[in-house]
Amino acid sequence: IKYPEIVRGNIKVQSENAPKALLPNINGKITRILKNNNDKTIKGENIIYIESTANHEEVLAAYKKIEELTLAISTRAELDFTLFDEHTSQYGELQPQIQTFNQGYLNYKDNLKSGIFENKLTMLQNDMLILEKMIENVDNQKKGEEDELKYFEEKSKTNEILYKSGTIARDEYNTVQANYVAKKNTLMQFVSTKLSYRSQINQKRRDLMELDQQAKNQRSLFIESLHTLKSQFDEWINKYIIKAPIGGTLIFTSYIQESQLIQVGKPIGMINPEGSENYIEMYISQQVYPKVKLNQEVILKFQAYPIQDYGYIKGNIKYISSILNDSSFLVKVNCNKGFVTSQKIRINMKHGMTGVGEIIIKDKTIMGRLISKLTERFNAYP
């Protein structure tokens, strides 16, 4: 007669992708239920609206415009749309933040449309072109003056020889020397003029850099205010709209209806992900840990499916943890033939179901177990 040695432990159904709870983030009243029980959902889909002084649809429409504006800013597209209508829309708790942002947005957009920065930029660039042209003219005049200076220099040398030999009078000699010095002074004036123009060009370049920095600063401040507003909208949406945390099937934990009060942190439902594979976790005591081995057979009995009505499920040990946790070790059990019971009934396993598992350590007969007990007692005495 077979009487196997077994080890018992608590079991629990786990999922590779566990269901996610729908948790309110604020105490409030349900104003609208957008999805029904057992509906399919996608991640981020709106499920429930919670009472607010704002109109949820208008807030979501404004949020979409914020995303469009963020994209337009990143691509430097033209900002040709109105972001908010403060007079006809109901933004409730977000109204003060929107008013503050809207004023800055309108100023920023007007500056872009009026072309203040572009006009200043064009003027500075034109000034620089004019100065470059003036430098070119100075260079041309300077070249002509340099040619004349060579002539006066040669004439001055000849004049000096003639004066020393007594050929010309002193007045004539002084006149020629004075003309030569005047030409040199004129040439120096051209150099000074060119340096002055170069200095003005450098100043224009500094003005361009400052103007560019001002435009960048204004743009950065606007982008920062846009991100701040988006964060404020995200915070509002997180409070007053319950969204699907993952894609899957919506299951409400109880009957819910509009005008019903809900509490922070108290689940109102969950999303059961599609295609999530279940497995069994079993916990064994440290006293029997040395006896448990990989691939040993496990008999699984679940509280939701009484054994007398449904039978049991067979599995095998696929993983044994080596870390002690709360005085027990974790064992993972796989059901190679699926969740089909000994009575050929396929059962629908749900995440979190519990029961008892029996690990078959040794498949002995009654006589064999009696002999083992006697042997253990005999060996205990010297």
Protein backbone atom coordinates (compact mmCIF):
# COMPACT_ATOMS: atom_id res chain seq x y z
CA ILE A 1 0.00 0.00 0.00
CA LYS A 2 1.44 3.36 -1.10
CA TYR A 3 1.86 5.99 1.63
CA PRO A 4 4.22 8.70 0.32
CA GLU A 5 6.13 11.10 2.55
CA ILE A 6 4.88 14.62 1.93
CA VAL A 7 5.70 18.22 2.93
CA ARG A 8 2.86 20.70 3.21
CA GLY A 9 2.98 24.43 2.64
CA ASN A 10 0.76 27.39 1.78
CA ILE A 11 0.41 28.26 -1.90
CA LYS A 12 -0.63 31.39 -3.75
CA VAL A 13 -1.33 32.16 -7.42
CA GLN A 14 0.97 34.84 -8.82
CA SER A 15 1.14 36.45 -12.27
CA GLU A 16 4.06 37.44 -14.46
CA ASN A 17 2.19 40.70 -15.00
CA ALA A 18 0.05 41.20 -11.92
CA PRO A 19 -3.27 43.10 -11.99
CA LYS A 20 -3.07 46.78 -11.06
CA ALA A 21 -5.52 48.46 -8.69
CA LEU A 22 -7.54 51.59 -9.49
CA LEU A 23 -6.77 53.92 -6.60
CA PRO A 24 -8.33 57.36 -6.01
CA ASN A 25 -5.82 60.07 -5.11
CA ILE A 26 -8.38 62.35 -3.48
CA ASN A 27 -11.55 62.01 -1.42
CA GLY A 28 -14.48 62.99 -3.55
CA LYS A 29 -17.67 62.21 -5.42
CA ILE A 30 -17.84 60.33 -8.72
CA THR A 31 -19.31 62.60 -11.40
CA ARG A 32 -18.89 60.34 -14.43
CA ILE A 33 -18.08 56.68 -15.12
CA LEU A 34 -16.55 56.31 -18.57
CA LYS A 35 -16.03 52.54 -18.70
CA ASN A 36 -18.16 49.57 -17.68
CA ASN A 37 -17.24 46.42 -15.80
CA ASN A 38 -15.31 43.91 -17.98
CA ASP A 39 -14.58 46.57 -20.63
CA LYS A 40 -11.22 46.41 -22.38
CA THR A 41 -8.94 49.32 -21.58
CA ILE A 42 -5.64 50.69 -22.80
CA LYS A 43 -2.94 52.19 -20.61
CA GLY A 44 -3.73 55.79 -19.64
CA GLU A 45 -7.39 55.62 -20.67
CA ASN A 46 -9.80 57.68 -18.55
CA ILE A 47 -12.03 55.53 -16.31
CA ILE A 48 -13.69 57.85 -13.76
CA TYR A 49 -14.11 61.60 -13.23
CA ILE A 50 -14.06 62.89 -9.63
CA GLU A 51 -15.95 66.05 -8.67
CA SER A 52 -14.08 69.30 -9.29
CA THR A 53 -14.90 72.96 -9.87
CA ALA A 54 -13.35 72.55 -13.33
CA ASN A 55 -14.93 70.97 -16.38
CA HIS A 56 -13.00 67.76 -17.02
CA GLU A 57 -13.49 67.82 -20.79
CA GLU A 58 -12.29 71.42 -21.06
CA VAL A 59 -9.24 70.68 -18.90
CA LEU A 60 -8.35 67.70 -21.10
CA ALA A 61 -8.84 69.80 -24.25
CA ALA A 62 -6.54 72.49 -22.80
CA TYR A 63 -4.00 69.82 -21.85
CA LYS A 64 -3.96 68.63 -25.45
CA LYS A 65 -3.22 72.20 -26.58
CA ILE A 66 -0.39 72.39 -24.05
CA GLU A 67 1.12 69.26 -25.62
CA GLU A 68 0.70 70.79 -29.11
CA LEU A 69 2.35 74.01 -27.92
CA THR A 70 5.23 72.03 -26.39
CA LEU A 71 5.75 70.32 -29.75
CA ALA A 72 5.54 73.64 -31.62
CA ILE A 73 8.16 75.17 -29.33
CA SER A 74 10.51 72.20 -29.76
CA THR A 75 10.22 72.37 -33.56
CA ARG A 76 10.20 76.21 -33.61
CA ALA A 77 6.91 76.17 -35.51
CA GLU A 78 4.76 79.30 -35.77
CA LEU A 79 2.58 79.88 -32.69
CA ASP A 80 -0.64 80.80 -34.48
CA PHE A 81 -3.27 79.27 -32.19
CA THR A 82 -5.11 80.46 -29.07
CA LEU A 83 -4.22 78.35 -26.07
CA PHE A 84 -6.96 79.16 -23.55
CA ASP A 85 -10.33 80.87 -23.58
CA GLU A 86 -10.55 82.25 -20.05
CA HIS A 87 -13.97 83.84 -20.54
CA THR A 88 -16.06 80.85 -21.68
CA SER A 89 -14.16 77.89 -20.26
CA GLN A 90 -14.32 76.38 -16.77
CA TYR A 91 -10.84 75.61 -15.49
CA GLY A 92 -11.74 75.61 -11.80
CA GLU A 93 -8.71 74.98 -9.58
CA LEU A 94 -6.41 75.68 -12.54
CA GLN A 95 -7.82 79.15 -13.32
CA PRO A 96 -5.14 81.22 -11.47
CA GLN A 97 -2.27 79.26 -13.03
CA ILE A 98 -3.79 79.59 -16.49
CA GLN A 99 -4.28 83.35 -16.15
CA THR A 100 -0.66 83.83 -15.13
CA PHE A 101 0.64 81.68 -17.95
CA ASN A 102 -1.70 83.07 -20.59
CA GLN A 103 -0.42 86.62 -20.10
CA GLY A 104 3.16 85.50 -20.54
CA TYR A 105 2.19 83.40 -23.55
CA LEU A 106 0.43 86.29 -25.29
CA ASN A 107 3.41 88.60 -24.68
CA TYR A 108 5.83 85.99 -26.01
CA LYS A 109 3.67 85.34 -29.08
CA ASP A 110 3.26 89.10 -29.75
CA ASN A 111 7.01 89.59 -29.58
CA LEU A 112 7.48 86.83 -32.14
CA LYS A 113 4.81 88.24 -34.44
CA SER A 114 5.92 91.89 -34.11
CA GLY A 115 9.46 90.83 -34.97
CA ILE A 116 11.13 93.01 -32.34
CA PHE A 117 14.16 90.76 -32.09
CA GLU A 118 14.28 90.13 -35.86
CA ASN A 119 14.12 93.89 -36.59
CA LYS A 120 16.91 94.67 -34.14
CA LEU A 121 18.93 91.81 -35.57
CA THR A 122 18.47 93.10 -39.12
CA MET A 123 19.42 96.66 -38.13
CA LEU A 124 22.61 95.51 -36.43
CA GLN A 125 23.57 93.33 -39.38
CA ASN A 126 22.95 96.20 -41.80
CA ASP A 127 25.05 98.53 -39.66
CA MET A 128 27.89 96.03 -39.76
CA LEU A 129 27.65 95.76 -43.54
CA ILE A 130 27.81 99.56 -43.85
CA LEU A 131 30.86 99.73 -41.59
CA GLU A 132 32.60 97.00 -43.59
CA LYS A 133 31.90 98.98 -46.77
CA MET A 134 33.30 102.14 -45.18
CA ILE A 135 36.45 100.23 -44.19
CA GLU A 136 36.77 99.09 -47.79
CA ASN A 137 36.51 102.72 -48.96
CA VAL A 138 39.13 103.79 -46.41
CA ASP A 139 41.45 101.06 -47.64
CA ASN A 140 41.04 102.26 -51.24
CA GLN A 141 41.71 105.90 -50.28
CA LYS A 142 44.63 104.81 -48.15
CA LYS A 143 46.18 102.99 -51.08
CA GLY A 144 45.97 106.16 -53.21
CA GLU A 145 47.49 108.22 -50.40
CA GLU A 146 50.32 105.69 -50.01
CA ASP A 147 51.18 106.04 -53.71
CA GLU A 148 51.25 109.85 -53.37
CA LEU A 149 53.33 109.56 -50.21
CA LYS A 150 55.99 107.63 -52.14
CA TYR A 151 56.09 110.44 -54.70
CA PHE A 152 56.47 113.12 -52.01
CA GLU A 153 59.06 111.03 -50.23
CA GLU A 154 61.21 110.82 -53.37
CA LYS A 155 60.67 114.51 -54.01
CA SER A 156 61.67 115.32 -50.42
CA LYS A 157 64.93 113.41 -50.79
CA THR A 158 65.72 115.15 -54.10
CA ASN A 159 64.73 118.52 -52.63
CA GLU A 160 67.08 117.98 -49.72
CA ILE A 161 70.02 117.29 -52.06
CA LEU A 162 69.25 120.39 -54.13
CA TYR A 163 68.92 122.52 -51.01
CA LYS A 164 72.25 121.35 -49.63
CA SER A 165 73.95 122.06 -52.97
CA GLY A 166 72.46 125.57 -52.96
CA THR A 167 70.41 125.00 -56.08
CA ILE A 168 67.05 125.93 -54.49
CA ALA A 169 66.06 128.49 -51.89
CA ARG A 170 65.11 127.63 -48.33
CA ASP A 171 61.46 128.65 -48.83
CA GLU A 172 61.04 126.18 -51.67
CA TYR A 173 62.74 123.48 -49.60
CA ASN A 174 60.41 124.13 -46.64
CA THR A 175 57.32 123.99 -48.86
CA VAL A 176 58.24 120.53 -50.24
CA GLN A 177 59.03 119.16 -46.76
CA ALA A 178 55.75 120.51 -45.38
CA ASN A 179 53.75 118.75 -48.15
CA TYR A 180 55.58 115.49 -47.37
CA VAL A 181 54.73 115.69 -43.64
CA ALA A 182 51.10 116.56 -44.45
CA LYS A 183 50.79 113.41 -46.60
CA LYS A 184 52.15 111.27 -43.77
CA ASN A 185 49.64 112.80 -41.34
CA THR A 186 46.77 112.15 -43.80
CA LEU A 187 47.82 108.50 -44.04
CA MET A 188 47.79 108.19 -40.25
CA GLN A 189 44.29 109.61 -40.17
CA PHE A 190 43.13 106.83 -42.50
CA VAL A 191 44.59 104.25 -40.11
CA SER A 192 42.80 105.85 -37.17
CA THR A 193 39.52 105.97 -39.09
CA LYS A 194 39.81 102.28 -39.97
CA LEU A 195 40.48 101.37 -36.34
CA SER A 196 37.43 103.37 -35.29
CA TYR A 197 35.24 101.51 -37.77
CA ARG A 198 36.64 98.17 -36.57
CA SER A 199 35.83 99.15 -33.00
CA GLN A 200 32.25 99.98 -34.01
CA ILE A 201 31.90 96.60 -35.75
CA ASN A 202 33.10 94.82 -32.62
CA GLN A 203 30.53 96.73 -30.58
CA LYS A 204 27.81 95.70 -33.05
CA ARG A 205 28.90 92.08 -32.64
CA ARG A 206 28.61 92.40 -28.87
CA ASP A 207 25.15 93.90 -29.33
CA LEU A 208 24.21 90.93 -31.53
CA MET A 209 25.40 88.49 -28.87
CA GLU A 210 23.43 90.31 -26.17
CA LEU A 211 20.33 90.38 -28.37
CA ASP A 212 20.66 86.67 -29.10
CA GLN A 213 21.07 85.95 -25.39
CA GLN A 214 17.98 88.03 -24.58
CA ALA A 215 15.95 86.04 -27.12
CA LYS A 216 17.26 82.77 -25.70
CA ASN A 217 16.49 83.86 -22.14
CA GLN A 218 12.97 84.89 -23.05
CA ARG A 219 12.40 81.59 -24.83
CA SER A 220 13.87 79.60 -21.91
CA LEU A 221 11.64 81.42 -19.42
CA PHE A 222 8.59 80.74 -21.55
CA ILE A 223 9.47 77.03 -21.94
CA GLU A 224 10.00 76.80 -18.18
CA SER A 225 6.60 78.37 -17.51
CA LEU A 226 5.03 75.97 -20.05
CA HIS A 227 6.56 72.95 -18.31
CA THR A 228 5.38 74.29 -14.95
CA LEU A 229 1.83 74.65 -16.28
CA LYS A 230 1.96 71.13 -17.75
CA SER A 231 3.06 69.78 -14.36
CA GLN A 232 0.15 71.60 -12.70
CA PHE A 233 -2.25 70.04 -15.22
CA ASP A 234 -0.68 66.61 -14.63
CA GLU A 235 -1.21 67.05 -10.89
CA TRP A 236 -4.86 68.05 -11.41
CA ILE A 237 -5.51 65.12 -13.76
CA ASN A 238 -3.85 62.71 -11.32
CA LYS A 239 -6.25 63.94 -8.62
CA TYR A 240 -9.56 64.26 -10.43
CA ILE A 241 -9.34 61.59 -13.15
CA ILE A 242 -8.76 57.89 -12.46
CA LYS A 243 -6.89 56.36 -15.39
CA ALA A 244 -6.07 52.80 -16.36
CA PRO A 245 -2.53 52.09 -15.06
CA ILE A 246 -2.09 49.29 -17.64
CA GLY A 247 -3.99 47.82 -20.55
CA GLY A 248 -6.36 44.92 -19.91
CA THR A 249 -9.82 44.12 -18.61
CA LEU A 250 -11.54 46.47 -16.15
CA ILE A 251 -13.02 44.80 -13.08
CA PHE A 252 -14.77 46.90 -10.41
CA THR A 253 -14.43 45.52 -6.89
CA SER A 254 -18.04 46.46 -6.10
CA TYR A 255 -21.02 48.22 -7.61
CA ILE A 256 -20.26 51.89 -8.24
CA GLN A 257 -22.42 54.72 -9.47
CA GLU A 258 -22.27 58.45 -10.13
CA SER A 259 -22.48 60.69 -7.01
CA GLN A 260 -20.89 57.89 -4.96
CA LEU A 261 -18.20 59.00 -2.50
CA ILE A 262 -14.77 57.39 -2.81
CA GLN A 263 -11.76 57.55 -0.50
CA VAL A 264 -8.04 58.07 -1.04
CA GLY A 265 -6.10 54.82 -1.38
CA LYS A 266 -9.20 52.59 -1.26
CA PRO A 267 -9.31 50.45 -4.46
CA ILE A 268 -12.47 50.72 -6.51
CA GLY A 269 -11.36 48.16 -9.08
CA MET A 270 -8.43 46.69 -10.94
CA ILE A 271 -7.12 46.14 -14.44
CA ASN A 272 -6.40 42.53 -15.26
CA PRO A 273 -3.71 42.45 -18.00
CA GLU A 274 -4.20 40.36 -21.11
CA GLY A 275 -2.07 37.28 -21.72
CA SER A 276 -0.53 37.24 -18.25
CA GLU A 277 0.76 33.78 -17.29
CA ASN A 278 0.03 32.51 -13.79
CA TYR A 279 2.36 30.44 -11.63
CA ILE A 280 2.28 29.05 -8.12
CA GLU A 281 4.33 30.25 -5.17
CA MET A 282 4.72 27.85 -2.23
CA TYR A 283 6.27 28.52 1.15
CA ILE A 284 8.00 25.74 3.09
CA SER A 285 9.48 25.73 6.60
CA GLN A 286 13.21 25.61 7.17
CA GLN A 287 12.85 22.25 8.95
CA VAL A 288 11.86 20.49 5.71
CA TYR A 289 13.96 22.64 3.37
CA PRO A 290 16.78 20.05 2.97
CA LYS A 291 14.28 17.43 1.73
CA VAL A 292 12.83 19.57 -1.06
CA LYS A 293 14.42 19.09 -4.50
CA LEU A 294 13.86 20.35 -8.05
CA ASN A 295 11.31 18.47 -10.18
CA GLN A 296 9.59 16.88 -7.18
CA GLU A 297 5.86 16.43 -7.71
CA VAL A 298 3.44 18.76 -5.93
CA ILE A 299 -0.28 18.24 -5.29
CA LEU A 300 -2.09 21.62 -5.40
CA LYS A 301 -5.41 22.17 -3.62
CA PHE A 302 -7.16 25.55 -3.84
CA GLN A 303 -9.71 26.94 -1.40
CA ALA A 304 -11.82 28.32 -4.26
CA TYR A 305 -12.10 24.87 -5.82
CA PRO A 306 -12.89 22.22 -3.16
CA ILE A 307 -11.09 18.95 -3.86
CA GLN A 308 -14.26 16.87 -3.47
CA ASP A 309 -15.92 18.84 -6.30
CA TYR A 310 -13.00 19.64 -8.61
CA GLY A 311 -10.09 17.41 -7.63
CA TYR A 312 -6.47 18.56 -7.38
CA ILE A 313 -3.82 19.84 -9.78
CA LYS A 314 -0.37 18.33 -10.26
CA GLY A 315 2.77 20.41 -10.63
CA ASN A 316 6.55 20.18 -10.36
CA ILE A 317 9.11 22.25 -8.48
CA LYS A 318 11.06 24.48 -10.89
CA TYR A 319 12.77 26.86 -8.47
CA ILE A 320 13.85 26.80 -4.81
CA SER A 321 15.02 30.00 -3.14
CA SER A 322 18.15 29.83 -1.01
CA ILE A 323 17.15 32.90 1.02
CA LEU A 324 15.16 32.52 4.23
CA ASN A 325 12.28 34.99 4.42
CA ASP A 326 9.99 35.17 7.49
CA SER A 327 11.09 31.67 8.65
CA SER A 328 10.24 30.07 5.30
CA PHE A 329 11.68 29.44 1.86
CA LEU A 330 10.02 30.29 -1.43
CA VAL A 331 9.38 27.50 -3.94
CA LYS A 332 8.06 28.07 -7.47
CA VAL A 333 5.76 25.39 -8.91
CA ASN A 334 4.91 25.02 -12.60
CA CYS A 335 1.85 23.22 -13.91
CA ASN A 336 3.14 21.66 -17.12
CA LYS A 337 -0.32 20.43 -18.16
CA GLY A 338 -2.03 23.69 -17.30
CA PHE A 339 -4.65 24.22 -14.63
CA VAL A 340 -6.51 20.97 -15.31
CA THR A 341 -7.57 18.99 -12.26
CA SER A 342 -7.46 15.26 -11.60
CA GLN A 343 -11.15 15.21 -12.56
CA LYS A 344 -10.33 16.66 -16.01
CA ILE A 345 -11.81 20.06 -15.13
CA ARG A 346 -10.03 23.19 -16.40
CA ILE A 347 -10.25 25.85 -13.72
CA ASN A 348 -9.88 29.60 -14.15
CA MET A 349 -7.03 30.67 -11.89
CA LYS A 350 -6.99 34.23 -10.60
CA HIS A 351 -4.11 36.24 -9.21
CA GLY A 352 -4.03 35.99 -5.41
CA MET A 353 -5.92 32.69 -5.00
CA THR A 354 -4.62 30.63 -2.08
CA GLY A 355 -4.55 27.02 -0.98
CA VAL A 356 -2.31 24.20 0.24
CA GLY A 357 0.44 22.35 -1.60
CA GLU A 358 1.78 18.87 -0.82
CA ILE A 359 5.29 18.06 -2.02
CA ILE A 360 5.89 14.34 -2.49
CA ILE A 361 9.32 13.75 -0.95
CA LYS A 362 9.44 9.96 -1.23
CA ASP A 363 6.88 7.62 -2.71
CA LYS A 364 7.06 4.89 0.00
CA THR A 365 4.77 2.06 1.12
CA ILE A 366 3.33 1.88 4.64
CA MET A 367 5.80 -0.90 5.50
CA GLY A 368 8.70 1.11 4.18
CA ARG A 369 7.77 4.14 6.30
CA LEU A 370 7.48 1.96 9.44
CA ILE A 371 10.90 0.46 8.81
CA SER A 372 12.39 3.95 8.28
CA LYS A 373 10.93 5.16 11.59
CA LEU A 374 12.28 2.14 13.46
CA THR A 375 15.69 2.58 11.83
CA GLU A 376 15.81 6.26 12.81
CA ARG A 377 14.96 5.42 16.45
CA PHE A 378 17.47 2.53 16.53
CA ASN A 379 20.24 4.79 15.18
CA ALA A 380 19.42 7.41 17.78
CA TYR A 381 20.76 5.17 20.57
CA PRO A 382 24.53 4.42 20.90
